[in-house]
Amino acid sequence: MNSKPPENIPPPLFPFFTAKPIKELLKAIERSASKPLLIAICGGSCSGKTSLAEYLVSLNIGKALPMDAYYKPVSEIREYADGIPAFDAPDAFELPRLTHDLNAIRNGQAIEVPVYLYQKIKDGRDSSHTELFVPTRVTFLDGILSCCEELRPHIDFSLFIERDNQARRRSRIERDREERGVPAKQSAILFDTMQTALFKEFILPQKQAADYAVVNAP
């Protein structure tokens, strides 16, 4: 494993990438060099999960598997409030399919990952299309609930990213507007109702179960 960025990789945009808990995780990966590893990177929406996963992949440590790909079609997700699906609850995901795929990855088998396109498809998921995922020795499972109780038995190490609620809210509104075409008002309502409540119920408890926890400052 190469824990030092290659010359063509720019310095981390986020200082927490080089924080002590992440260095400890890298050491744990090195100590487990003889076996395949599944590592959960969890935390609230816009806490920095995907950015960290992409950075670790850029170090040639492993590959990232987005938990978002396992969302159920929007029409199958229960409502949290009037017209607002409970996106941040474990039952919004196809956990049986995900656990099956995690077991396949551990055995070195390639999997077909569902395609999830947010606003580009009315129901969120294009169930007729998948993408091939060929695992390497280390797989980073990037997702808000990647260390939830149902997935924990399948994970070797887990890292929880903590970030200030208001900082996450600002980033979420900006990302939704720029990348997904969601109006700022709609994104704010979603965050202030469903996401804030379900973060406390389902996402934050993962911090106590995680092997490592790191703070991403605003």
N, C-alpha and C. Protein backbone atom coordinates (compact mmCIF):
# COMPACT_ATOMS: atom_id res chain seq x y z
N MET A 1 0.84 -1.21 0.00
CA MET A 1 0.00 0.00 0.00
C MET A 1 0.87 1.25 0.00
N ASN A 2 0.45 2.25 -0.77
CA ASN A 2 1.18 3.51 -0.82
C ASN A 2 0.39 4.55 -0.04
N SER A 3 0.85 4.90 1.17
CA SER A 3 0.12 5.85 2.00
C SER A 3 0.57 7.29 1.77
N LYS A 4 1.45 7.49 0.80
CA LYS A 4 1.90 8.82 0.44
C LYS A 4 1.36 9.18 -0.94
N PRO A 5 0.77 10.37 -1.10
CA PRO A 5 0.16 10.70 -2.39
C PRO A 5 1.18 10.65 -3.53
N PRO A 6 0.79 10.08 -4.68
CA PRO A 6 1.67 10.14 -5.85
C PRO A 6 1.91 11.60 -6.23
N GLU A 7 2.95 11.84 -7.01
CA GLU A 7 3.32 13.22 -7.34
C GLU A 7 2.23 13.97 -8.10
N ASN A 8 1.42 13.24 -8.86
CA ASN A 8 0.39 13.90 -9.66
C ASN A 8 -0.90 14.14 -8.88
N ILE A 9 -0.94 13.77 -7.59
CA ILE A 9 -2.12 13.99 -6.76
C ILE A 9 -1.91 15.26 -5.95
N PRO A 10 -2.80 16.25 -6.07
CA PRO A 10 -2.63 17.50 -5.32
C PRO A 10 -2.81 17.27 -3.82
N PRO A 11 -2.32 18.19 -3.00
CA PRO A 11 -2.51 18.06 -1.54
C PRO A 11 -4.00 18.00 -1.20
N PRO A 12 -4.36 17.38 -0.09
CA PRO A 12 -5.77 17.27 0.30
C PRO A 12 -6.41 18.65 0.43
N LEU A 13 -7.62 18.75 -0.06
CA LEU A 13 -8.37 20.01 0.10
C LEU A 13 -8.90 20.15 1.52
N PHE A 14 -9.03 19.02 2.20
CA PHE A 14 -9.59 19.02 3.54
C PHE A 14 -8.51 18.59 4.54
N PRO A 15 -8.17 19.43 5.50
CA PRO A 15 -7.11 19.08 6.47
C PRO A 15 -7.38 17.79 7.23
N PHE A 16 -8.65 17.44 7.42
CA PHE A 16 -8.93 16.25 8.22
C PHE A 16 -8.46 14.97 7.54
N PHE A 17 -8.15 15.04 6.23
CA PHE A 17 -7.63 13.86 5.52
C PHE A 17 -6.36 13.33 6.19
N THR A 18 -5.58 14.22 6.79
CA THR A 18 -4.31 13.80 7.39
C THR A 18 -4.38 13.77 8.92
N ALA A 19 -5.58 13.75 9.47
CA ALA A 19 -5.76 13.71 10.92
C ALA A 19 -5.33 12.36 11.49
N LYS A 20 -5.07 12.33 12.78
CA LYS A 20 -4.55 11.13 13.44
C LYS A 20 -5.44 9.90 13.23
N PRO A 21 -6.79 9.99 13.37
CA PRO A 21 -7.61 8.78 13.19
C PRO A 21 -7.45 8.17 11.80
N ILE A 22 -7.28 9.00 10.77
CA ILE A 22 -7.12 8.46 9.43
C ILE A 22 -5.75 7.82 9.27
N LYS A 23 -4.74 8.41 9.88
CA LYS A 23 -3.41 7.78 9.87
C LYS A 23 -3.45 6.43 10.58
N GLU A 24 -4.23 6.36 11.66
CA GLU A 24 -4.36 5.08 12.38
C GLU A 24 -5.08 4.05 11.53
N LEU A 25 -6.09 4.49 10.78
CA LEU A 25 -6.79 3.58 9.88
C LEU A 25 -5.84 3.05 8.81
N LEU A 26 -5.00 3.92 8.25
CA LEU A 26 -4.05 3.49 7.23
C LEU A 26 -3.07 2.45 7.79
N LYS A 27 -2.66 2.65 9.04
CA LYS A 27 -1.76 1.67 9.67
C LYS A 27 -2.47 0.33 9.86
N ALA A 28 -3.76 0.39 10.22
CA ALA A 28 -4.53 -0.85 10.39
C ALA A 28 -4.65 -1.60 9.06
N ILE A 29 -4.82 -0.86 7.98
CA ILE A 29 -4.89 -1.48 6.66
C ILE A 29 -3.56 -2.15 6.33
N GLU A 30 -2.46 -1.50 6.64
CA GLU A 30 -1.13 -2.08 6.37
C GLU A 30 -0.92 -3.35 7.18
N ARG A 31 -1.38 -3.34 8.44
CA ARG A 31 -1.19 -4.53 9.29
C ARG A 31 -2.02 -5.71 8.80
N SER A 32 -3.07 -5.44 8.02
CA SER A 32 -3.95 -6.51 7.54
C SER A 32 -3.68 -6.82 6.08
N ALA A 33 -2.44 -6.76 5.70
CA ALA A 33 -2.07 -6.85 4.28
C ALA A 33 -2.40 -8.19 3.65
N SER A 34 -2.67 -9.21 4.44
CA SER A 34 -2.84 -10.54 3.87
C SER A 34 -4.29 -10.90 3.56
N LYS A 35 -5.24 -10.02 3.85
CA LYS A 35 -6.64 -10.39 3.61
C LYS A 35 -7.43 -9.23 3.01
N PRO A 36 -8.52 -9.56 2.28
CA PRO A 36 -9.39 -8.51 1.74
C PRO A 36 -10.05 -7.75 2.89
N LEU A 37 -10.24 -6.45 2.69
CA LEU A 37 -10.83 -5.62 3.73
C LEU A 37 -12.02 -4.83 3.19
N LEU A 38 -13.05 -4.73 4.02
CA LEU A 38 -14.19 -3.87 3.75
C LEU A 38 -14.19 -2.78 4.81
N ILE A 39 -14.10 -1.54 4.37
CA ILE A 39 -13.98 -0.41 5.30
C ILE A 39 -15.13 0.56 5.08
N ALA A 40 -15.90 0.82 6.11
CA ALA A 40 -17.04 1.72 6.03
C ALA A 40 -16.59 3.15 6.34
N ILE A 41 -16.98 4.09 5.50
CA ILE A 41 -16.79 5.51 5.76
C ILE A 41 -18.18 6.11 5.88
N CYS A 42 -18.57 6.46 7.10
CA CYS A 42 -19.95 6.89 7.34
C CYS A 42 -19.97 8.28 7.96
N GLY A 43 -21.17 8.84 8.06
CA GLY A 43 -21.36 10.18 8.60
C GLY A 43 -22.54 10.83 7.93
N GLY A 44 -22.91 12.00 8.40
CA GLY A 44 -24.07 12.69 7.87
C GLY A 44 -23.88 13.16 6.44
N SER A 45 -24.97 13.57 5.83
CA SER A 45 -24.93 14.10 4.48
C SER A 45 -23.97 15.28 4.40
N CYS A 46 -23.08 15.27 3.40
CA CYS A 46 -22.10 16.33 3.17
C CYS A 46 -21.12 16.50 4.34
N SER A 47 -20.74 15.40 4.94
CA SER A 47 -19.73 15.46 6.00
C SER A 47 -18.32 15.31 5.44
N GLY A 48 -18.21 14.81 4.20
CA GLY A 48 -16.89 14.62 3.58
C GLY A 48 -16.57 13.18 3.25
N LYS A 49 -17.56 12.29 3.29
CA LYS A 49 -17.34 10.86 3.08
C LYS A 49 -16.78 10.56 1.69
N THR A 50 -17.47 11.05 0.68
CA THR A 50 -17.05 10.74 -0.69
C THR A 50 -15.71 11.37 -1.01
N SER A 51 -15.49 12.59 -0.52
CA SER A 51 -14.20 13.25 -0.75
C SER A 51 -13.06 12.44 -0.14
N LEU A 52 -13.26 11.93 1.07
CA LEU A 52 -12.23 11.12 1.71
C LEU A 52 -12.03 9.82 0.95
N ALA A 53 -13.12 9.16 0.58
CA ALA A 53 -13.01 7.90 -0.16
C ALA A 53 -12.25 8.10 -1.46
N GLU A 54 -12.56 9.18 -2.18
CA GLU A 54 -11.88 9.45 -3.44
C GLU A 54 -10.40 9.73 -3.21
N TYR A 55 -10.08 10.41 -2.12
CA TYR A 55 -8.68 10.68 -1.81
C TYR A 55 -7.92 9.39 -1.51
N LEU A 56 -8.52 8.51 -0.72
CA LEU A 56 -7.87 7.25 -0.39
C LEU A 56 -7.68 6.40 -1.65
N VAL A 57 -8.66 6.44 -2.54
CA VAL A 57 -8.52 5.71 -3.81
C VAL A 57 -7.37 6.29 -4.62
N SER A 58 -7.20 7.62 -4.58
CA SER A 58 -6.12 8.26 -5.32
C SER A 58 -4.74 7.85 -4.82
N LEU A 59 -4.70 7.31 -3.59
CA LEU A 59 -3.43 6.82 -3.04
C LEU A 59 -3.15 5.37 -3.43
N ASN A 60 -4.02 4.83 -4.31
CA ASN A 60 -3.89 3.44 -4.77
C ASN A 60 -4.05 2.43 -3.64
N ILE A 61 -4.90 2.78 -2.67
CA ILE A 61 -5.13 1.87 -1.55
C ILE A 61 -6.23 0.87 -1.88
N GLY A 62 -7.24 1.27 -2.62
CA GLY A 62 -8.35 0.39 -2.91
C GLY A 62 -9.36 1.07 -3.82
N LYS A 63 -10.58 0.56 -3.81
CA LYS A 63 -11.66 1.10 -4.62
C LYS A 63 -12.83 1.49 -3.73
N ALA A 64 -13.66 2.43 -4.21
CA ALA A 64 -14.79 2.90 -3.43
C ALA A 64 -16.09 2.36 -4.01
N LEU A 65 -16.96 1.91 -3.12
CA LEU A 65 -18.30 1.44 -3.50
C LEU A 65 -19.32 2.37 -2.86
N PRO A 66 -20.12 3.10 -3.66
CA PRO A 66 -21.08 4.04 -3.07
C PRO A 66 -22.33 3.34 -2.57
N MET A 67 -22.63 3.51 -1.30
CA MET A 67 -23.84 2.92 -0.74
C MET A 67 -25.10 3.50 -1.39
N ASP A 68 -25.01 4.73 -1.88
CA ASP A 68 -26.16 5.37 -2.55
C ASP A 68 -26.69 4.52 -3.69
N ALA A 69 -25.83 3.73 -4.33
CA ALA A 69 -26.26 2.90 -5.45
C ALA A 69 -27.31 1.87 -5.02
N TYR A 70 -27.40 1.62 -3.72
CA TYR A 70 -28.32 0.60 -3.22
C TYR A 70 -29.62 1.19 -2.65
N TYR A 71 -29.85 2.47 -2.92
CA TYR A 71 -31.16 3.03 -2.57
C TYR A 71 -32.26 2.27 -3.30
N LYS A 72 -33.37 2.07 -2.63
CA LYS A 72 -34.55 1.54 -3.31
C LYS A 72 -35.08 2.63 -4.26
N PRO A 73 -35.86 2.25 -5.27
CA PRO A 73 -36.54 3.27 -6.06
C PRO A 73 -37.35 4.18 -5.14
N VAL A 74 -37.43 5.45 -5.47
CA VAL A 74 -38.09 6.41 -4.58
C VAL A 74 -39.51 5.98 -4.23
N SER A 75 -40.21 5.39 -5.18
CA SER A 75 -41.60 4.98 -4.94
C SER A 75 -41.72 3.88 -3.88
N GLU A 76 -40.61 3.20 -3.57
CA GLU A 76 -40.63 2.12 -2.58
C GLU A 76 -40.13 2.55 -1.21
N ILE A 77 -39.71 3.80 -1.08
CA ILE A 77 -39.21 4.31 0.20
C ILE A 77 -40.37 4.94 0.98
N ARG A 78 -40.51 4.54 2.22
CA ARG A 78 -41.62 5.06 3.03
C ARG A 78 -41.51 6.57 3.21
N GLU A 79 -42.65 7.20 3.43
CA GLU A 79 -42.66 8.65 3.65
C GLU A 79 -42.30 8.98 5.09
N TYR A 80 -41.43 9.97 5.23
CA TYR A 80 -41.13 10.49 6.56
C TYR A 80 -42.15 11.56 6.95
N ALA A 81 -42.48 12.40 6.00
CA ALA A 81 -43.49 13.44 6.18
C ALA A 81 -44.18 13.63 4.85
N ASP A 82 -45.13 14.53 4.79
CA ASP A 82 -45.89 14.77 3.56
C ASP A 82 -45.00 14.97 2.35
N GLY A 83 -44.96 13.98 1.48
CA GLY A 83 -44.19 14.10 0.24
C GLY A 83 -42.69 14.00 0.41
N ILE A 84 -42.20 13.70 1.60
CA ILE A 84 -40.76 13.60 1.85
C ILE A 84 -40.40 12.16 2.18
N PRO A 85 -39.69 11.45 1.28
CA PRO A 85 -39.27 10.08 1.58
C PRO A 85 -38.23 10.05 2.71
N ALA A 86 -38.21 8.96 3.45
CA ALA A 86 -37.25 8.78 4.55
C ALA A 86 -35.93 8.27 3.99
N PHE A 87 -35.23 9.13 3.24
CA PHE A 87 -33.98 8.73 2.58
C PHE A 87 -32.88 8.33 3.56
N ASP A 88 -32.90 8.87 4.79
CA ASP A 88 -31.78 8.66 5.72
C ASP A 88 -32.05 7.58 6.76
N ALA A 89 -32.95 6.66 6.44
CA ALA A 89 -33.23 5.52 7.32
C ALA A 89 -32.71 4.24 6.67
N PRO A 90 -32.31 3.25 7.45
CA PRO A 90 -31.77 2.02 6.86
C PRO A 90 -32.71 1.33 5.88
N ASP A 91 -34.03 1.41 6.14
CA ASP A 91 -34.96 0.71 5.25
C ASP A 91 -35.16 1.41 3.91
N ALA A 92 -34.45 2.52 3.67
CA ALA A 92 -34.47 3.15 2.35
C ALA A 92 -33.53 2.44 1.38
N PHE A 93 -32.71 1.54 1.92
CA PHE A 93 -31.70 0.84 1.11
C PHE A 93 -32.06 -0.63 0.93
N GLU A 94 -31.58 -1.20 -0.16
CA GLU A 94 -31.71 -2.64 -0.39
C GLU A 94 -30.59 -3.35 0.36
N LEU A 95 -30.73 -3.46 1.66
CA LEU A 95 -29.65 -4.02 2.48
C LEU A 95 -29.37 -5.49 2.18
N PRO A 96 -30.38 -6.33 1.91
CA PRO A 96 -30.06 -7.72 1.56
C PRO A 96 -29.18 -7.83 0.32
N ARG A 97 -29.47 -7.02 -0.68
CA ARG A 97 -28.63 -7.04 -1.90
C ARG A 97 -27.23 -6.53 -1.59
N LEU A 98 -27.15 -5.48 -0.79
CA LEU A 98 -25.84 -4.93 -0.45
C LEU A 98 -25.01 -5.93 0.35
N THR A 99 -25.60 -6.58 1.34
CA THR A 99 -24.83 -7.55 2.12
C THR A 99 -24.39 -8.73 1.25
N HIS A 100 -25.25 -9.15 0.33
CA HIS A 100 -24.87 -10.21 -0.61
C HIS A 100 -23.65 -9.79 -1.42
N ASP A 101 -23.66 -8.53 -1.91
CA ASP A 101 -22.55 -8.04 -2.72
C ASP A 101 -21.28 -7.86 -1.89
N LEU A 102 -21.42 -7.46 -0.64
CA LEU A 102 -20.24 -7.32 0.22
C LEU A 102 -19.58 -8.68 0.45
N ASN A 103 -20.39 -9.70 0.63
CA ASN A 103 -19.84 -11.05 0.80
C ASN A 103 -19.13 -11.50 -0.48
N ALA A 104 -19.70 -11.15 -1.63
CA ALA A 104 -19.05 -11.51 -2.91
C ALA A 104 -17.70 -10.79 -3.04
N ILE A 105 -17.67 -9.51 -2.67
CA ILE A 105 -16.43 -8.73 -2.74
C ILE A 105 -15.37 -9.36 -1.84
N ARG A 106 -15.78 -9.78 -0.65
CA ARG A 106 -14.82 -10.40 0.28
C ARG A 106 -14.22 -11.67 -0.34
N ASN A 107 -14.99 -12.34 -1.19
CA ASN A 107 -14.51 -13.54 -1.84
C ASN A 107 -13.82 -13.26 -3.17
N GLY A 108 -13.58 -11.97 -3.45
CA GLY A 108 -12.87 -11.60 -4.66
C GLY A 108 -13.70 -11.64 -5.92
N GLN A 109 -15.02 -11.67 -5.78
CA GLN A 109 -15.91 -11.78 -6.93
C GLN A 109 -16.38 -10.40 -7.40
N ALA A 110 -16.46 -10.22 -8.70
CA ALA A 110 -17.01 -8.99 -9.26
C ALA A 110 -18.52 -8.96 -9.05
N ILE A 111 -19.07 -7.77 -8.94
CA ILE A 111 -20.51 -7.60 -8.73
C ILE A 111 -21.07 -6.60 -9.74
N GLU A 112 -22.38 -6.63 -9.92
CA GLU A 112 -23.08 -5.66 -10.75
C GLU A 112 -23.76 -4.66 -9.81
N VAL A 113 -23.31 -3.42 -9.85
CA VAL A 113 -23.81 -2.38 -8.94
C VAL A 113 -24.95 -1.62 -9.61
N PRO A 114 -26.09 -1.45 -8.93
CA PRO A 114 -27.21 -0.71 -9.52
C PRO A 114 -26.82 0.73 -9.83
N VAL A 115 -27.48 1.30 -10.82
CA VAL A 115 -27.24 2.69 -11.21
C VAL A 115 -28.30 3.57 -10.55
N TYR A 116 -27.83 4.54 -9.78
CA TYR A 116 -28.74 5.48 -9.10
C TYR A 116 -28.39 6.89 -9.56
N LEU A 117 -29.36 7.62 -10.09
CA LEU A 117 -29.07 8.89 -10.73
C LEU A 117 -29.83 10.08 -10.15
N TYR A 118 -30.31 9.97 -8.92
CA TYR A 118 -30.95 11.09 -8.23
C TYR A 118 -32.04 11.70 -9.09
N GLN A 119 -31.88 12.97 -9.47
CA GLN A 119 -32.93 13.70 -10.17
C GLN A 119 -33.02 13.35 -11.66
N LYS A 120 -32.05 12.64 -12.20
CA LYS A 120 -32.06 12.38 -13.63
C LYS A 120 -33.08 11.32 -14.04
N ILE A 121 -33.48 10.50 -13.10
CA ILE A 121 -34.50 9.50 -13.35
C ILE A 121 -35.62 9.72 -12.33
N LYS A 122 -36.85 9.73 -12.79
CA LYS A 122 -37.97 10.10 -11.93
C LYS A 122 -38.00 9.28 -10.64
N ASP A 123 -37.72 7.99 -10.75
CA ASP A 123 -37.80 7.14 -9.56
C ASP A 123 -36.45 6.92 -8.91
N GLY A 124 -35.43 7.67 -9.35
CA GLY A 124 -34.12 7.59 -8.69
C GLY A 124 -33.23 6.51 -9.23
N ARG A 125 -33.76 5.27 -9.31
CA ARG A 125 -32.93 4.15 -9.74
C ARG A 125 -33.35 3.61 -11.08
N ASP A 126 -32.38 3.41 -11.93
CA ASP A 126 -32.63 2.78 -13.23
C ASP A 126 -32.38 1.29 -13.04
N SER A 127 -33.43 0.56 -12.71
CA SER A 127 -33.28 -0.85 -12.35
C SER A 127 -32.85 -1.73 -13.51
N SER A 128 -32.87 -1.20 -14.72
CA SER A 128 -32.48 -2.00 -15.88
C SER A 128 -30.99 -1.92 -16.19
N HIS A 129 -30.27 -1.06 -15.45
CA HIS A 129 -28.84 -0.89 -15.72
C HIS A 129 -28.01 -1.11 -14.46
N THR A 130 -26.85 -1.71 -14.67
CA THR A 130 -25.88 -1.89 -13.58
C THR A 130 -24.50 -1.56 -14.11
N GLU A 131 -23.55 -1.40 -13.20
CA GLU A 131 -22.16 -1.17 -13.56
C GLU A 131 -21.30 -2.24 -12.89
N LEU A 132 -20.33 -2.75 -13.63
CA LEU A 132 -19.47 -3.80 -13.10
C LEU A 132 -18.49 -3.21 -12.09
N PHE A 133 -18.38 -3.86 -10.94
CA PHE A 133 -17.42 -3.46 -9.90
C PHE A 133 -16.51 -4.65 -9.66
N VAL A 134 -15.24 -4.48 -10.02
CA VAL A 134 -14.24 -5.54 -9.81
C VAL A 134 -13.43 -5.15 -8.57
N PRO A 135 -13.52 -5.93 -7.50
CA PRO A 135 -12.87 -5.52 -6.25
C PRO A 135 -11.37 -5.66 -6.27
N THR A 136 -10.72 -4.82 -5.45
CA THR A 136 -9.31 -4.98 -5.14
C THR A 136 -9.24 -5.45 -3.69
N ARG A 137 -8.04 -5.46 -3.11
CA ARG A 137 -7.94 -5.99 -1.74
C ARG A 137 -8.72 -5.15 -0.74
N VAL A 138 -8.79 -3.84 -0.94
CA VAL A 138 -9.48 -2.94 -0.01
C VAL A 138 -10.66 -2.29 -0.73
N THR A 139 -11.83 -2.38 -0.11
CA THR A 139 -13.03 -1.71 -0.63
C THR A 139 -13.54 -0.74 0.42
N PHE A 140 -13.71 0.52 0.02
CA PHE A 140 -14.28 1.54 0.91
C PHE A 140 -15.76 1.67 0.60
N LEU A 141 -16.61 1.34 1.57
CA LEU A 141 -18.05 1.50 1.42
C LEU A 141 -18.41 2.89 1.93
N ASP A 142 -18.75 3.78 1.01
CA ASP A 142 -19.01 5.18 1.30
C ASP A 142 -20.51 5.40 1.40
N GLY A 143 -21.00 5.76 2.61
CA GLY A 143 -22.44 5.98 2.73
C GLY A 143 -22.85 6.46 4.10
N ILE A 144 -23.99 7.14 4.16
CA ILE A 144 -24.45 7.69 5.43
C ILE A 144 -24.67 6.62 6.48
N LEU A 145 -25.02 5.40 6.05
CA LEU A 145 -25.34 4.33 6.98
C LEU A 145 -24.49 3.09 6.73
N SER A 146 -23.26 3.30 6.26
CA SER A 146 -22.40 2.17 5.92
C SER A 146 -21.91 1.40 7.14
N CYS A 147 -22.12 1.97 8.33
CA CYS A 147 -21.78 1.24 9.57
C CYS A 147 -23.03 1.05 10.42
N CYS A 148 -24.19 0.94 9.77
CA CYS A 148 -25.42 0.71 10.53
C CYS A 148 -25.42 -0.71 11.09
N GLU A 149 -26.32 -0.97 12.00
CA GLU A 149 -26.34 -2.25 12.71
C GLU A 149 -26.42 -3.44 11.76
N GLU A 150 -27.17 -3.29 10.68
CA GLU A 150 -27.36 -4.40 9.75
C GLU A 150 -26.09 -4.72 8.95
N LEU A 151 -25.25 -3.72 8.72
CA LEU A 151 -24.04 -3.93 7.90
C LEU A 151 -22.79 -4.20 8.72
N ARG A 152 -22.84 -3.84 10.00
CA ARG A 152 -21.65 -3.92 10.84
C ARG A 152 -20.96 -5.29 10.82
N PRO A 153 -21.72 -6.41 10.82
CA PRO A 153 -21.04 -7.71 10.82
C PRO A 153 -20.20 -7.98 9.57
N HIS A 154 -20.45 -7.22 8.51
CA HIS A 154 -19.75 -7.45 7.24
C HIS A 154 -18.56 -6.50 7.05
N ILE A 155 -18.33 -5.61 8.01
CA ILE A 155 -17.31 -4.57 7.90
C ILE A 155 -16.10 -4.90 8.77
N ASP A 156 -14.90 -4.68 8.24
CA ASP A 156 -13.68 -4.92 9.01
C ASP A 156 -13.30 -3.71 9.87
N PHE A 157 -13.32 -2.53 9.26
CA PHE A 157 -13.02 -1.29 9.98
C PHE A 157 -14.05 -0.24 9.57
N SER A 158 -14.30 0.69 10.47
CA SER A 158 -15.25 1.76 10.16
C SER A 158 -14.73 3.08 10.68
N LEU A 159 -15.03 4.14 9.91
CA LEU A 159 -14.61 5.49 10.29
C LEU A 159 -15.82 6.41 10.17
N PHE A 160 -16.08 7.17 11.23
CA PHE A 160 -17.20 8.12 11.26
C PHE A 160 -16.65 9.53 11.11
N ILE A 161 -17.21 10.28 10.16
CA ILE A 161 -16.81 11.67 9.96
C ILE A 161 -17.85 12.58 10.61
N GLU A 162 -17.39 13.42 11.52
CA GLU A 162 -18.27 14.35 12.21
C GLU A 162 -18.04 15.76 11.66
N ARG A 163 -19.13 16.44 11.33
CA ARG A 163 -19.03 17.81 10.83
C ARG A 163 -20.20 18.61 11.37
N ASP A 164 -19.96 19.87 11.65
CA ASP A 164 -20.99 20.76 12.19
C ASP A 164 -22.26 20.73 11.32
N ASN A 165 -23.41 20.69 11.99
CA ASN A 165 -24.69 20.56 11.29
C ASN A 165 -24.92 21.69 10.29
N GLN A 166 -24.63 22.92 10.68
CA GLN A 166 -24.86 24.05 9.79
C GLN A 166 -23.92 24.03 8.59
N ALA A 167 -22.69 23.56 8.80
CA ALA A 167 -21.75 23.44 7.68
C ALA A 167 -22.23 22.39 6.69
N ARG A 168 -22.76 21.28 7.22
CA ARG A 168 -23.30 20.25 6.34
C ARG A 168 -24.52 20.77 5.58
N ARG A 169 -25.34 21.56 6.27
CA ARG A 169 -26.54 22.12 5.64
C ARG A 169 -26.16 23.03 4.48
N ARG A 170 -25.18 23.90 4.69
CA ARG A 170 -24.74 24.80 3.62
C ARG A 170 -24.21 24.02 2.43
N SER A 171 -23.39 23.03 2.71
CA SER A 171 -22.80 22.23 1.64
C SER A 171 -23.87 21.44 0.89
N ARG A 172 -24.85 20.92 1.62
CA ARG A 172 -25.91 20.14 1.00
C ARG A 172 -26.74 21.00 0.05
N ILE A 173 -27.11 22.19 0.49
CA ILE A 173 -27.91 23.08 -0.36
C ILE A 173 -27.14 23.46 -1.61
N GLU A 174 -25.85 23.77 -1.45
CA GLU A 174 -25.02 24.14 -2.59
C GLU A 174 -24.85 22.97 -3.56
N ARG A 175 -24.58 21.79 -3.02
CA ARG A 175 -24.40 20.61 -3.88
C ARG A 175 -25.68 20.26 -4.62
N ASP A 176 -26.81 20.26 -3.91
CA ASP A 176 -28.07 19.92 -4.55
C ASP A 176 -28.41 20.87 -5.68
N ARG A 177 -28.12 22.15 -5.47
CA ARG A 177 -28.42 23.15 -6.50
C ARG A 177 -27.51 22.98 -7.71
N GLU A 178 -26.21 22.80 -7.47
CA GLU A 178 -25.25 22.77 -8.57
C GLU A 178 -25.19 21.43 -9.29
N GLU A 179 -25.30 20.31 -8.54
CA GLU A 179 -25.11 19.00 -9.14
C GLU A 179 -26.42 18.28 -9.47
N ARG A 180 -27.51 18.63 -8.78
CA ARG A 180 -28.73 17.86 -8.94
C ARG A 180 -29.93 18.70 -9.37
N GLY A 181 -29.71 19.99 -9.51
CA GLY A 181 -30.78 20.85 -9.96
C GLY A 181 -31.92 21.01 -8.98
N VAL A 182 -31.66 20.81 -7.70
CA VAL A 182 -32.69 20.94 -6.67
C VAL A 182 -32.70 22.37 -6.15
N PRO A 183 -33.85 23.05 -6.17
CA PRO A 183 -33.91 24.42 -5.66
C PRO A 183 -33.47 24.49 -4.20
N ALA A 184 -32.83 25.60 -3.82
CA ALA A 184 -32.30 25.75 -2.47
C ALA A 184 -33.38 25.59 -1.42
N LYS A 185 -34.57 26.14 -1.66
CA LYS A 185 -35.66 26.05 -0.68
C LYS A 185 -36.06 24.61 -0.44
N GLN A 186 -36.17 23.84 -1.52
CA GLN A 186 -36.55 22.42 -1.40
C GLN A 186 -35.48 21.63 -0.63
N SER A 187 -34.23 21.91 -0.95
CA SER A 187 -33.13 21.21 -0.27
C SER A 187 -33.10 21.56 1.21
N ALA A 188 -33.34 22.82 1.54
CA ALA A 188 -33.34 23.25 2.94
C ALA A 188 -34.46 22.58 3.73
N ILE A 189 -35.64 22.48 3.13
CA ILE A 189 -36.78 21.82 3.79
C ILE A 189 -36.45 20.36 4.07
N LEU A 190 -35.86 19.69 3.08
CA LEU A 190 -35.49 18.28 3.23
C LEU A 190 -34.49 18.12 4.37
N PHE A 191 -33.51 19.00 4.43
CA PHE A 191 -32.48 18.90 5.47
C PHE A 191 -33.07 19.20 6.85
N ASP A 192 -33.87 20.23 6.95
CA ASP A 192 -34.38 20.67 8.25
C ASP A 192 -35.43 19.74 8.83
N THR A 193 -36.07 18.96 7.99
CA THR A 193 -37.10 18.05 8.49
C THR A 193 -36.55 16.63 8.59
N MET A 194 -36.54 15.94 7.46
CA MET A 194 -36.17 14.53 7.46
C MET A 194 -34.72 14.30 7.86
N GLN A 195 -33.77 15.00 7.24
CA GLN A 195 -32.36 14.66 7.45
C GLN A 195 -31.89 14.96 8.87
N THR A 196 -32.31 16.07 9.44
CA THR A 196 -31.87 16.41 10.79
C THR A 196 -32.38 15.40 11.81
N ALA A 197 -33.64 15.00 11.67
CA ALA A 197 -34.23 14.05 12.62
C ALA A 197 -33.64 12.65 12.47
N LEU A 198 -33.52 12.17 11.23
CA LEU A 198 -33.02 10.82 11.02
C LEU A 198 -31.51 10.72 11.25
N PHE A 199 -30.81 11.85 11.12
CA PHE A 199 -29.40 11.87 11.49
C PHE A 199 -29.24 11.48 12.96
N LYS A 200 -30.05 12.08 13.82
CA LYS A 200 -29.96 11.79 15.26
C LYS A 200 -30.38 10.36 15.57
N GLU A 201 -31.38 9.87 14.83
CA GLU A 201 -31.91 8.53 15.12
C GLU A 201 -31.04 7.41 14.60
N PHE A 202 -30.52 7.56 13.39
CA PHE A 202 -29.83 6.43 12.75
C PHE A 202 -28.35 6.66 12.45
N ILE A 203 -27.98 7.88 12.07
CA ILE A 203 -26.62 8.11 11.59
C ILE A 203 -25.64 8.38 12.72
N LEU A 204 -25.98 9.30 13.61
CA LEU A 204 -25.07 9.65 14.70
C LEU A 204 -24.72 8.46 15.60
N PRO A 205 -25.65 7.52 15.91
CA PRO A 205 -25.27 6.37 16.75
C PRO A 205 -24.12 5.53 16.19
N GLN A 206 -23.86 5.64 14.90
CA GLN A 206 -22.74 4.89 14.31
C GLN A 206 -21.40 5.35 14.87
N LYS A 207 -21.34 6.59 15.35
CA LYS A 207 -20.09 7.13 15.88
C LYS A 207 -19.59 6.28 17.04
N GLN A 208 -20.51 5.82 17.89
CA GLN A 208 -20.12 5.02 19.06
C GLN A 208 -19.63 3.64 18.64
N ALA A 209 -20.12 3.15 17.50
CA ALA A 209 -19.73 1.81 17.05
C ALA A 209 -18.50 1.83 16.16
N ALA A 210 -18.14 3.00 15.64
CA ALA A 210 -17.04 3.09 14.67
C ALA A 210 -15.68 2.84 15.33
N ASP A 211 -14.77 2.29 14.58
CA ASP A 211 -13.40 2.07 15.08
C ASP A 211 -12.64 3.38 15.17
N TYR A 212 -12.94 4.31 14.27
CA TYR A 212 -12.25 5.59 14.24
C TYR A 212 -13.28 6.71 14.01
N ALA A 213 -13.03 7.86 14.59
CA ALA A 213 -13.89 9.03 14.40
C ALA A 213 -13.00 10.24 14.16
N VAL A 214 -13.39 11.05 13.19
CA VAL A 214 -12.59 12.21 12.83
C VAL A 214 -13.52 13.41 12.63
N VAL A 215 -13.03 14.61 12.95
CA VAL A 215 -13.82 15.83 12.80
C VAL A 215 -13.38 16.56 11.54
N ASN A 216 -14.35 16.87 10.71
CA ASN A 216 -14.13 17.71 9.54
C ASN A 216 -14.62 19.10 9.89
N ALA A 217 -13.70 20.03 10.11
CA ALA A 217 -14.08 21.38 10.51
C ALA A 217 -14.80 22.08 9.37
N PRO A 218 -15.71 23.03 9.71
CA PRO A 218 -16.44 23.78 8.67
C PRO A 218 -15.47 24.46 7.69
